[in-house]
Amino acid sequence: MKKLDKKKMMESDVKFRDIEITIKEVKGYCPTYKVGDKIYLNEGFRLNLSKTTALCIPGLASIMPWLVAMANSISPIDVGLNKKNGDSKTGYVQCADPGSKYTDGGTVIFEVKILDSISSDSRIQR
């Protein structure tokens, strides 16, 4: 697993990778997402409203623990979010709703990708 360089992280010029989250699958009923919806995060944490098509805060909470690592180019494979022979820049996370067997809702599978781009604008994109 790639270790974080604390000195480098403390420098003001550290830039994190952009993240693209795509709704890969919806099992049951989700009032917010449909397959293909996207969420874009500049530098891994700044919501890009102009590119984001839908956003569910509880769903986003399932992804949040992994965002800093992925925005810092740590492979999703190294943290168990993809198979060992999978794409090293793509991970998969499931929404916390257990789905129609247990609730009236559904569960969502998010495909989280590390993009090669690094946004330079530090403001929320609208």
C-alpha atoms as a PDB file:
ATOM      1  CA  MET A   1       0.000   0.000   0.000  1.00  0.00           C
ATOM      2  CA  LYS A   2       1.252   3.497  -0.866  1.00  0.00           C
ATOM      3  CA  LYS A   3       2.233   5.493   2.220  1.00  0.00           C
ATOM      4  CA  LEU A   4       1.362   9.153   2.515  1.00  0.00           C
ATOM      5  CA  ASP A   5       4.252  11.595   2.752  1.00  0.00           C
ATOM      6  CA  LYS A   6       3.198  13.816   5.695  1.00  0.00           C
ATOM      7  CA  LYS A   7       5.703  16.532   4.829  1.00  0.00           C
ATOM      8  CA  LYS A   8       4.407  16.725   1.276  1.00  0.00           C
ATOM      9  CA  MET A   9       0.788  16.848   2.499  1.00  0.00           C
ATOM     10  CA  MET A  10       1.586  19.801   4.754  1.00  0.00           C
ATOM     11  CA  GLU A  11       2.949  21.872   1.873  1.00  0.00           C
ATOM     12  CA  SER A  12       0.474  24.404   0.491  1.00  0.00           C
ATOM     13  CA  ASP A  13       0.997  23.373  -3.122  1.00  0.00           C
ATOM     14  CA  VAL A  14      -0.268  19.797  -2.649  1.00  0.00           C
ATOM     15  CA  LYS A  15      -2.997  19.095  -5.194  1.00  0.00           C
ATOM     16  CA  PHE A  16      -5.428  16.227  -5.034  1.00  0.00           C
ATOM     17  CA  ARG A  17      -6.892  14.426  -8.043  1.00  0.00           C
ATOM     18  CA  ASP A  18     -10.379  15.080  -9.326  1.00  0.00           C
ATOM     19  CA  ILE A  19     -12.926  12.320  -8.696  1.00  0.00           C
ATOM     20  CA  GLU A  20     -15.812  11.181 -10.909  1.00  0.00           C
ATOM     21  CA  ILE A  21     -18.563   9.112  -9.302  1.00  0.00           C
ATOM     22  CA  THR A  22     -20.999   7.300 -11.586  1.00  0.00           C
ATOM     23  CA  ILE A  23     -24.162   5.482 -10.514  1.00  0.00           C
ATOM     24  CA  LYS A  24     -23.383   1.997 -11.791  1.00  0.00           C
ATOM     25  CA  GLU A  25     -26.403   0.096 -10.455  1.00  0.00           C
ATOM     26  CA  VAL A  26     -29.627   0.721  -8.523  1.00  0.00           C
ATOM     27  CA  LYS A  27     -31.114  -2.281  -6.710  1.00  0.00           C
ATOM     28  CA  GLY A  28     -34.721  -1.562  -5.757  1.00  0.00           C
ATOM     29  CA  TYR A  29     -36.103   1.967  -5.558  1.00  0.00           C
ATOM     30  CA  CYS A  30     -33.900   5.038  -5.125  1.00  0.00           C
ATOM     31  CA  PRO A  31     -35.689   8.406  -5.108  1.00  0.00           C
ATOM     32  CA  THR A  32     -32.514  10.288  -6.076  1.00  0.00           C
ATOM     33  CA  TYR A  33     -30.352   8.315  -8.470  1.00  0.00           C
ATOM     34  CA  LYS A  34     -30.748   6.583 -11.783  1.00  0.00           C
ATOM     35  CA  VAL A  35     -28.068   4.550 -13.552  1.00  0.00           C
ATOM     36  CA  GLY A  36     -25.603   6.874 -15.274  1.00  0.00           C
ATOM     37  CA  ASP A  37     -26.016   9.856 -12.918  1.00  0.00           C
ATOM     38  CA  LYS A  38     -22.696  11.511 -12.039  1.00  0.00           C
ATOM     39  CA  ILE A  39     -21.071  13.393  -9.184  1.00  0.00           C
ATOM     40  CA  TYR A  40     -17.870  15.353  -9.807  1.00  0.00           C
ATOM     41  CA  LEU A  41     -15.491  16.403  -7.061  1.00  0.00           C
ATOM     42  CA  ASN A  42     -12.690  18.789  -7.896  1.00  0.00           C
ATOM     43  CA  GLU A  43      -9.527  17.889  -5.980  1.00  0.00           C
ATOM     44  CA  GLY A  44     -11.510  15.075  -4.352  1.00  0.00           C
ATOM     45  CA  PHE A  45     -13.615  17.282  -2.090  1.00  0.00           C
ATOM     46  CA  ARG A  46     -14.993  20.333  -3.929  1.00  0.00           C
ATOM     47  CA  LEU A  47     -18.419  19.599  -5.395  1.00  0.00           C
ATOM     48  CA  ASN A  48     -18.664  20.623  -9.043  1.00  0.00           C
ATOM     49  CA  LEU A  49     -22.349  21.563  -9.342  1.00  0.00           C
ATOM     50  CA  SER A  50     -22.185  22.252 -13.088  1.00  0.00           C
ATOM     51  CA  LYS A  51     -21.205  18.622 -13.842  1.00  0.00           C
ATOM     52  CA  THR A  52     -23.082  16.825 -11.043  1.00  0.00           C
ATOM     53  CA  THR A  53     -26.481  15.440 -12.120  1.00  0.00           C
ATOM     54  CA  ALA A  54     -27.834  14.232  -8.734  1.00  0.00           C
ATOM     55  CA  LEU A  55     -26.693  14.174  -5.123  1.00  0.00           C
ATOM     56  CA  CYS A  56     -27.901  12.225  -2.091  1.00  0.00           C
ATOM     57  CA  ILE A  57     -26.140  13.160   1.153  1.00  0.00           C
ATOM     58  CA  PRO A  58     -26.612   9.734   2.857  1.00  0.00           C
ATOM     59  CA  GLY A  59     -25.326   8.057  -0.323  1.00  0.00           C
ATOM     60  CA  LEU A  60     -22.339  10.379  -0.435  1.00  0.00           C
ATOM     61  CA  ALA A  61     -21.586   9.482   3.193  1.00  0.00           C
ATOM     62  CA  SER A  62     -20.819   5.913   2.045  1.00  0.00           C
ATOM     63  CA  ILE A  63     -18.135   7.233  -0.302  1.00  0.00           C
ATOM     64  CA  MET A  64     -16.624   9.917   1.914  1.00  0.00           C
ATOM     65  CA  PRO A  65     -14.260   7.666   3.916  1.00  0.00           C
ATOM     66  CA  TRP A  66     -12.438   6.758   0.703  1.00  0.00           C
ATOM     67  CA  LEU A  67     -12.222  10.181  -0.976  1.00  0.00           C
ATOM     68  CA  VAL A  68      -9.017  11.495   0.598  1.00  0.00           C
ATOM     69  CA  ALA A  69      -7.113   8.310  -0.223  1.00  0.00           C
ATOM     70  CA  MET A  70      -8.367   8.194  -3.805  1.00  0.00           C
ATOM     71  CA  ALA A  71      -7.853  11.922  -4.404  1.00  0.00           C
ATOM     72  CA  ASN A  72      -4.288  11.325  -3.213  1.00  0.00           C
ATOM     73  CA  SER A  73      -3.933   8.667  -5.966  1.00  0.00           C
ATOM     74  CA  ILE A  74      -4.011   5.684  -3.614  1.00  0.00           C
ATOM     75  CA  SER A  75      -5.301   2.779  -5.667  1.00  0.00           C
ATOM     76  CA  PRO A  76      -8.790   1.499  -4.832  1.00  0.00           C
ATOM     77  CA  ILE A  77      -7.305  -1.998  -5.146  1.00  0.00           C
ATOM     78  CA  ASP A  78      -4.986  -1.278  -2.203  1.00  0.00           C
ATOM     79  CA  VAL A  79      -7.952  -0.424   0.047  1.00  0.00           C
ATOM     80  CA  GLY A  80     -10.224  -3.264  -1.119  1.00  0.00           C
ATOM     81  CA  LEU A  81     -12.568  -1.304  -3.407  1.00  0.00           C
ATOM     82  CA  ASN A  82     -11.764  -3.303  -6.551  1.00  0.00           C
ATOM     83  CA  LYS A  83     -10.533  -6.783  -7.447  1.00  0.00           C
ATOM     84  CA  LYS A  84      -6.782  -7.357  -7.527  1.00  0.00           C
ATOM     85  CA  ASN A  85      -6.860  -7.556 -11.321  1.00  0.00           C
ATOM     86  CA  GLY A  86      -9.217  -4.554 -11.654  1.00  0.00           C
ATOM     87  CA  ASP A  87      -8.597  -1.004 -12.844  1.00  0.00           C
ATOM     88  CA  SER A  88      -6.189   0.667 -10.395  1.00  0.00           C
ATOM     89  CA  LYS A  89      -8.064   3.998 -10.663  1.00  0.00           C
ATOM     90  CA  THR A  90     -11.611   2.675 -10.175  1.00  0.00           C
ATOM     91  CA  GLY A  91     -13.323   1.557  -6.985  1.00  0.00           C
ATOM     92  CA  TYR A  92     -16.838   0.427  -6.090  1.00  0.00           C
ATOM     93  CA  VAL A  93     -18.825   1.473  -3.018  1.00  0.00           C
ATOM     94  CA  GLN A  94     -22.385   0.641  -1.972  1.00  0.00           C
ATOM     95  CA  CYS A  95     -24.941   2.985  -0.440  1.00  0.00           C
ATOM     96  CA  ALA A  96     -25.807   2.300   3.213  1.00  0.00           C
ATOM     97  CA  ASP A  97     -29.498   1.507   2.495  1.00  0.00           C
ATOM     98  CA  PRO A  98     -29.720  -2.308   2.653  1.00  0.00           C
ATOM     99  CA  GLY A  99     -32.405  -2.395  -0.048  1.00  0.00           C
ATOM    100  CA  SER A 100     -35.904  -3.635  -0.654  1.00  0.00           C
ATOM    101  CA  LYS A 101     -35.574  -6.814   1.402  1.00  0.00           C
ATOM    102  CA  TYR A 102     -35.298  -4.667   4.552  1.00  0.00           C
ATOM    103  CA  THR A 103     -36.479  -1.124   3.688  1.00  0.00           C
ATOM    104  CA  ASP A 104     -38.791   0.640   1.235  1.00  0.00           C
ATOM    105  CA  GLY A 105     -35.695   2.059  -0.443  1.00  0.00           C
ATOM    106  CA  GLY A 106     -33.007   0.593  -2.591  1.00  0.00           C
ATOM    107  CA  THR A 107     -29.261   0.386  -2.601  1.00  0.00           C
ATOM    108  CA  VAL A 108     -26.938   2.041  -5.085  1.00  0.00           C
ATOM    109  CA  ILE A 109     -23.564   0.907  -6.400  1.00  0.00           C
ATOM    110  CA  PHE A 110     -21.197   3.822  -6.994  1.00  0.00           C
ATOM    111  CA  GLU A 111     -18.260   3.588  -9.399  1.00  0.00           C
ATOM    112  CA  VAL A 112     -15.608   5.979  -8.074  1.00  0.00           C
ATOM    113  CA  LYS A 113     -12.821   6.967 -10.494  1.00  0.00           C
ATOM    114  CA  ILE A 114      -9.594   8.832  -9.933  1.00  0.00           C
ATOM    115  CA  LEU A 115      -9.228  11.231 -12.852  1.00  0.00           C
ATOM    116  CA  ASP A 116      -5.925  12.367 -14.294  1.00  0.00           C
ATOM    117  CA  SER A 117      -7.009  15.992 -13.946  1.00  0.00           C
ATOM    118  CA  ILE A 118      -6.297  18.298 -11.033  1.00  0.00           C
ATOM    119  CA  SER A 119      -8.600  21.299 -10.834  1.00  0.00           C
ATOM    120  CA  SER A 120      -6.910  24.587 -10.142  1.00  0.00           C
ATOM    121  CA  ASP A 121      -9.976  26.573  -9.048  1.00  0.00           C
ATOM    122  CA  SER A 122     -10.380  26.385  -5.284  1.00  0.00           C
ATOM    123  CA  ARG A 123     -14.009  27.564  -5.270  1.00  0.00           C
ATOM    124  CA  ILE A 124     -17.124  25.426  -5.550  1.00  0.00           C
ATOM    125  CA  GLN A 125     -17.874  25.032  -9.248  1.00  0.00           C
ATOM    126  CA  ARG A 126     -21.354  26.159 -10.328  1.00  0.00           C
END
